[in-house]
Protein backbone atom coordinates (compact mmCIF):
# COMPACT_ATOMS: atom_id res chain seq x y z
CA UNK A 1 0.00 0.00 0.00
CA UNK A 2 2.77 2.41 0.90
CA UNK A 3 4.35 1.75 -2.46
CA UNK A 4 1.19 2.53 -4.39
CA UNK A 5 0.49 5.69 -2.37
CA UNK A 6 4.01 6.94 -3.04
CA UNK A 7 3.55 6.51 -6.79
CA UNK A 8 0.29 8.48 -6.77
CA UNK A 9 1.88 11.41 -4.94
CA UNK A 10 4.78 11.53 -7.41
CA UNK A 11 2.37 11.52 -10.33
CA UNK A 12 0.40 14.47 -8.90
CA UNK A 13 3.56 16.55 -8.39
CA UNK A 14 4.74 15.93 -11.91
CA UNK A 15 1.34 16.89 -13.29
CA UNK A 16 1.26 20.20 -11.40
CA UNK A 17 4.71 21.06 -12.58
CA UNK A 18 3.77 20.39 -16.18
CA UNK A 19 0.63 22.48 -15.83
CA UNK A 20 2.60 25.47 -14.47
CA UNK A 21 5.12 25.32 -17.30
CA UNK A 22 2.41 25.31 -19.88
CA UNK A 23 0.84 28.43 -18.31
CA UNK A 24 4.12 30.24 -18.31
CA UNK A 25 4.68 29.33 -21.92
CA UNK A 26 1.33 30.67 -22.89
CA UNK A 27 1.95 33.91 -20.99
CA UNK A 28 5.33 34.33 -22.58
CA UNK A 29 3.87 33.62 -25.98
CA UNK A 30 1.15 36.23 -25.44
CA UNK A 31 3.70 38.70 -24.26
CA UNK A 32 5.86 37.98 -27.25
CA UNK A 33 2.89 38.26 -29.55
CA UNK A 34 1.77 41.50 -27.97
CA UNK A 35 5.27 42.90 -28.11
CA UNK A 36 5.56 41.99 -31.75
CA UNK A 37 2.30 43.71 -32.59
CA UNK A 38 3.29 46.88 -30.70
CA UNK A 39 6.66 46.99 -32.42
CA UNK A 40 5.06 46.45 -35.81
CA UNK A 41 2.45 49.18 -35.24
CA UNK A 42 5.04 51.69 -34.03
CA UNK A 43 7.26 50.96 -36.98
CA UNK A 44 4.32 51.30 -39.36
CA UNK A 45 3.28 54.59 -37.72
CA UNK A 46 6.83 56.00 -37.98
CA UNK A 47 7.13 55.00 -41.61
CA UNK A 48 3.90 56.80 -42.46
CA UNK A 49 5.09 60.11 -40.89
CA UNK A 50 8.30 60.02 -42.95
CA UNK A 51 6.44 59.42 -46.19
CA UNK A 52 4.13 62.42 -45.61
CA UNK A 53 6.82 65.05 -44.78
CA UNK A 54 6.12 67.10 -47.97
CA UNK A 55 7.27 67.45 -51.60
CA UNK A 56 10.94 67.56 -52.52
CA UNK A 57 11.77 70.13 -55.22
CA UNK A 58 14.13 68.60 -57.75
CA UNK A 59 12.96 64.99 -57.56
CA UNK A 60 11.14 65.30 -60.92
CA UNK A 61 7.77 64.66 -59.21
CA UNK A 62 5.31 67.55 -59.03
CA UNK A 63 3.74 67.48 -55.59
CA UNK A 64 2.08 69.80 -53.11
CA UNK A 65 2.56 73.49 -53.85
CA UNK A 66 5.08 72.89 -56.61
CA UNK A 67 4.10 74.53 -59.90
CA UNK A 68 6.56 72.36 -61.80
CA UNK A 69 9.40 69.92 -61.16
CA UNK A 70 11.67 68.83 -63.97
CA UNK A 71 14.29 67.37 -61.67
CA UNK A 72 17.84 68.10 -62.87
CA UNK A 73 16.45 70.30 -65.64
CA UNK A 74 15.19 72.90 -63.15
CA UNK A 75 17.26 76.01 -63.85
CA UNK A 76 17.31 79.76 -63.33
CA UNK A 77 17.09 80.33 -67.08
CA UNK A 78 14.62 77.53 -67.77
CA UNK A 79 10.85 77.13 -67.72
CA UNK A 80 10.97 75.67 -64.19
CA UNK A 81 13.00 77.59 -61.61
CA UNK A 82 15.21 76.03 -58.92
CA UNK A 83 12.29 76.63 -56.49
CA UNK A 84 9.93 74.54 -58.67
CA UNK A 85 7.98 77.60 -59.80
CA UNK A 86 6.93 78.32 -63.37
CA UNK A 87 9.26 80.94 -64.90
CA UNK A 88 7.60 84.35 -64.81
CA UNK A 89 8.62 87.98 -65.34
CA UNK A 90 9.49 89.43 -61.97
CA UNK A 91 10.85 86.26 -60.38
CA UNK A 92 14.42 87.55 -60.55
CA UNK A 93 15.55 84.94 -63.08
CA UNK A 94 16.15 85.81 -66.75
CA UNK A 95 14.16 83.28 -68.76
CA UNK A 96 16.41 82.50 -71.72
CA UNK A 97 14.89 83.39 -75.08
CA UNK A 98 11.86 84.99 -73.46
CA UNK A 99 13.06 87.80 -71.19
CA UNK A 100 15.76 90.38 -71.88
CA UNK A 101 16.21 91.07 -68.17
CA UNK A 102 14.56 90.38 -64.83
CA UNK A 103 15.57 92.36 -61.76
CA UNK A 104 12.75 91.02 -59.63
CA UNK A 105 11.01 94.37 -59.13
CA UNK A 106 8.13 96.21 -60.77
CA UNK A 107 9.92 99.56 -61.17
CA UNK A 108 9.59 101.18 -64.60
CA UNK A 109 12.33 103.80 -64.23
CA UNK A 110 15.37 101.54 -63.81
CA UNK A 111 17.50 99.54 -66.24
CA UNK A 112 14.94 96.72 -66.49
CA UNK A 113 11.27 97.55 -66.98
CA UNK A 114 8.44 95.76 -65.22
CA UNK A 115 7.74 93.80 -68.42
CA UNK A 116 11.31 92.43 -68.38
CA UNK A 117 12.54 94.53 -71.31
CA UNK A 118 15.77 96.57 -71.18
CA UNK A 119 15.40 100.33 -70.76
CA UNK A 120 16.22 102.22 -73.96
CA UNK A 121 16.04 105.82 -75.09
CA UNK A 122 12.84 106.10 -77.08
CA UNK A 123 10.80 103.53 -75.15
CA UNK A 124 8.63 106.26 -73.65
CA UNK A 125 9.78 105.72 -70.07
CA UNK A 126 12.33 107.99 -68.39
CA UNK A 127 15.26 105.98 -67.04
CA UNK A 128 16.06 107.62 -63.72
CA UNK A 129 19.58 109.01 -63.51
CA UNK A 130 20.28 108.31 -67.19
CA UNK A 131 17.61 110.04 -69.26
CA UNK A 132 16.25 113.54 -68.70
CA UNK A 133 13.30 112.97 -71.02
CA UNK A 134 11.81 110.24 -73.21
CA UNK A 135 8.79 111.02 -75.35
CA UNK A 136 8.88 107.70 -77.16
CA UNK A 137 9.02 109.14 -80.68
CA UNK A 138 11.82 109.32 -83.29
CA UNK A 139 11.52 113.08 -83.85
CA UNK A 140 14.65 115.20 -83.37
CA UNK A 141 12.97 118.58 -83.83
CA UNK A 142 10.83 118.59 -80.67
CA UNK A 143 11.52 119.30 -77.00
CA UNK A 144 13.00 115.84 -76.45
CA UNK A 145 15.21 114.62 -79.32
CA UNK A 146 16.39 111.03 -79.73
CA UNK A 147 19.26 111.62 -77.28
CA UNK A 148 16.68 111.66 -74.47
CA UNK A 149 18.11 114.97 -73.29
CA UNK A 150 16.11 118.22 -73.45
CA UNK A 151 16.49 120.23 -76.65
CA UNK A 152 19.04 123.05 -76.28
CA UNK A 153 20.78 125.38 -78.71
CA UNK A 154 24.01 123.73 -79.76
CA UNK A 155 22.86 120.11 -79.61
CA UNK A 156 22.89 119.83 -83.41
CA UNK A 157 19.11 119.44 -83.73
CA UNK A 158 16.92 122.28 -84.98
CA UNK A 159 14.12 122.71 -82.45
CA UNK A 160 11.09 123.45 -84.64
CA UNK A 161 9.52 126.82 -83.90
CA UNK A 162 12.30 127.73 -81.48
CA UNK A 163 15.57 127.70 -83.45
CA UNK A 164 16.41 128.94 -86.94
CA UNK A 165 19.43 126.67 -87.17
CA UNK A 166 21.65 124.49 -85.00
CA UNK A 167 24.96 123.25 -86.37
CA UNK A 168 26.14 121.88 -83.05
CA UNK A 169 29.51 123.65 -83.06
CA UNK A 170 31.02 126.46 -81.06
CA UNK A 171 31.84 128.69 -84.04
CA UNK A 172 30.08 132.04 -84.07
CA UNK A 173 31.37 133.28 -87.44
CA UNK A 174 29.72 130.71 -89.70
CA UNK A 175 26.24 130.52 -91.22
CA UNK A 176 24.61 129.59 -87.90
CA UNK A 177 25.35 131.78 -84.93
CA UNK A 178 25.86 130.34 -81.45
CA UNK A 179 22.44 131.76 -80.60
CA UNK A 180 20.95 129.35 -83.17
CA UNK A 181 20.05 132.30 -85.38
CA UNK A 182 21.06 132.47 -89.01
CA UNK A 183 23.97 134.79 -89.70
CA UNK A 184 22.90 138.03 -91.41
CA UNK A 185 24.58 141.28 -92.31
CA UNK A 186 24.07 143.65 -89.44
CA UNK A 187 24.22 141.12 -86.61
CA UNK A 188 27.61 142.47 -85.59
CA UNK A 189 29.58 139.30 -86.37
CA UNK A 190 31.63 138.97 -89.56
CA UNK A 191 30.62 135.80 -91.38
CA UNK A 192 33.82 134.28 -92.65
CA UNK A 193 34.03 133.96 -96.42
CA UNK A 194 30.83 135.95 -96.87
CA UNK A 195 31.18 139.36 -95.23
CA UNK A 196 34.11 141.75 -95.23
CA UNK A 197 32.81 143.57 -92.21
CA UNK A 198 29.69 143.85 -90.12
CA UNK A 199 29.02 147.13 -88.39
CA UNK A 200 32.55 147.34 -87.12
CA UNK A 201 35.10 150.12 -87.58
CA UNK A 202 37.23 149.80 -90.66
CA UNK A 203 40.76 151.20 -90.87
CA UNK A 204 40.98 153.86 -93.54
CA UNK A 205 37.43 153.20 -94.63
CA UNK A 206 33.90 152.30 -93.68
CA UNK A 207 31.69 149.21 -93.54
CA UNK A 208 28.87 149.51 -96.00
CA UNK A 209 25.30 148.43 -95.38
CA UNK A 210 26.01 145.35 -97.46
CA UNK A 211 28.83 144.37 -95.10
CA UNK A 212 31.53 145.22 -97.66
CA UNK A 213 34.52 147.48 -97.18
CA UNK A 214 34.29 151.03 -98.34
CA UNK A 215 37.88 152.26 -98.52
CA UNK A 216 38.69 155.94 -98.32
CA UNK A 217 40.69 157.10 -101.33
CA UNK A 218 43.63 156.55 -101.78
CA UNK A 219 43.43 153.45 -99.59
CA UNK A 220 42.62 149.93 -100.75
CA UNK A 221 42.20 146.43 -99.32
CA UNK A 222 44.96 144.72 -101.23
CA UNK A 223 45.58 141.67 -99.03
CA UNK A 224 41.89 140.60 -99.06
CA UNK A 225 41.92 140.47 -95.31
CA UNK A 226 38.97 142.55 -94.11
CA UNK A 227 40.21 142.24 -90.56
CA UNK A 228 42.87 144.90 -91.12
CA UNK A 229 40.62 147.13 -93.22
CA UNK A 230 41.99 149.16 -96.08
CA UNK A 231 45.67 148.63 -95.45
CA UNK A 232 47.24 149.59 -98.80
CA UNK A 233 48.06 153.22 -99.66
CA UNK A 234 47.76 153.64 -103.41
CA UNK A 235 50.65 156.00 -103.87
CA UNK A 236 53.36 154.01 -102.17
CA UNK A 237 56.19 152.29 -104.00
CA UNK A 238 54.52 148.93 -103.22
CA UNK A 239 51.09 149.93 -104.49
CA UNK A 240 51.71 152.71 -106.96
CA UNK A 241 48.44 153.46 -108.72
CA UNK A 242 47.00 150.03 -107.76
CA UNK A 243 47.37 147.02 -105.53
CA UNK A 244 50.77 145.33 -105.64
CA UNK A 245 52.04 147.65 -108.41
CA UNK A 246 55.60 148.02 -107.17
CA UNK A 247 58.09 150.49 -108.49
CA UNK A 248 61.48 149.09 -109.49
CA UNK A 249 64.89 150.04 -108.20
CA UNK A 250 65.69 153.62 -109.10
CA UNK A 251 62.01 154.50 -109.41
CA UNK A 252 59.62 156.13 -107.07
CA UNK A 253 55.86 156.52 -106.99
CA UNK A 254 54.73 159.99 -107.84
CA UNK A 255 50.98 160.29 -107.67
CA UNK A 256 49.91 157.06 -109.24
CA UNK A 257 52.97 156.45 -111.47
CA UNK A 258 56.46 155.08 -111.00
CA UNK A 259 59.06 157.57 -112.26
CA UNK A 260 62.87 157.56 -112.21
CA UNK A 261 64.44 159.11 -109.21
CA UNK A 262 66.13 162.33 -110.09
CA UNK A 263 69.85 162.41 -109.41
């Protein structure tokens, strides 16, 4: 009997031990399973946040607020800027073949207009600090000639209704006076090659109303230089009876003739 009872007790102990092990295994398995699910969910959640961080300009995929994205073709001079924006006047980039300039501002009075064209004399817009006027027309006889500087006497352009002439030089003795008036007899300035005098005093003569020399007899203008008036005395050995009529050696001018000198 003692032998049988001892066997029963041993069997019960072994059974309890096996039952406890199985329970622990199940608990561990649940824990492992739960842990695995938590890790998987966390990983999945983290991966989703990374994927939704926003578009990347330059990856050749147009996303979000990108207007364009050509990847490596994005360029300052291209149709898609480095910021993935469509090229447009005023963005500060010169679009090759489309814009002449682009300074990124809307000012009309600087070197680059608001329409991305280069400022030029004659475009109708005054370039600050460079042009004084710009009427946008090709006329040179108005208040603003094609130099984009105000019309003034001496600029070489005849200002219609204001100037009679304008030869653009500093000479006052030619056909156009420095006052932009045409030279005329009586204006007090001798027009070279045209007038012998003009209201001025003439040595040994007078200035006629036609601006020619009127020499007092017996004086003449033999050197054709009206500046020194009537310089030749017709009665001298050099101009005996006429200009440049010189008496020879041994002769002298008497009246208007060369005669031998009396011994």
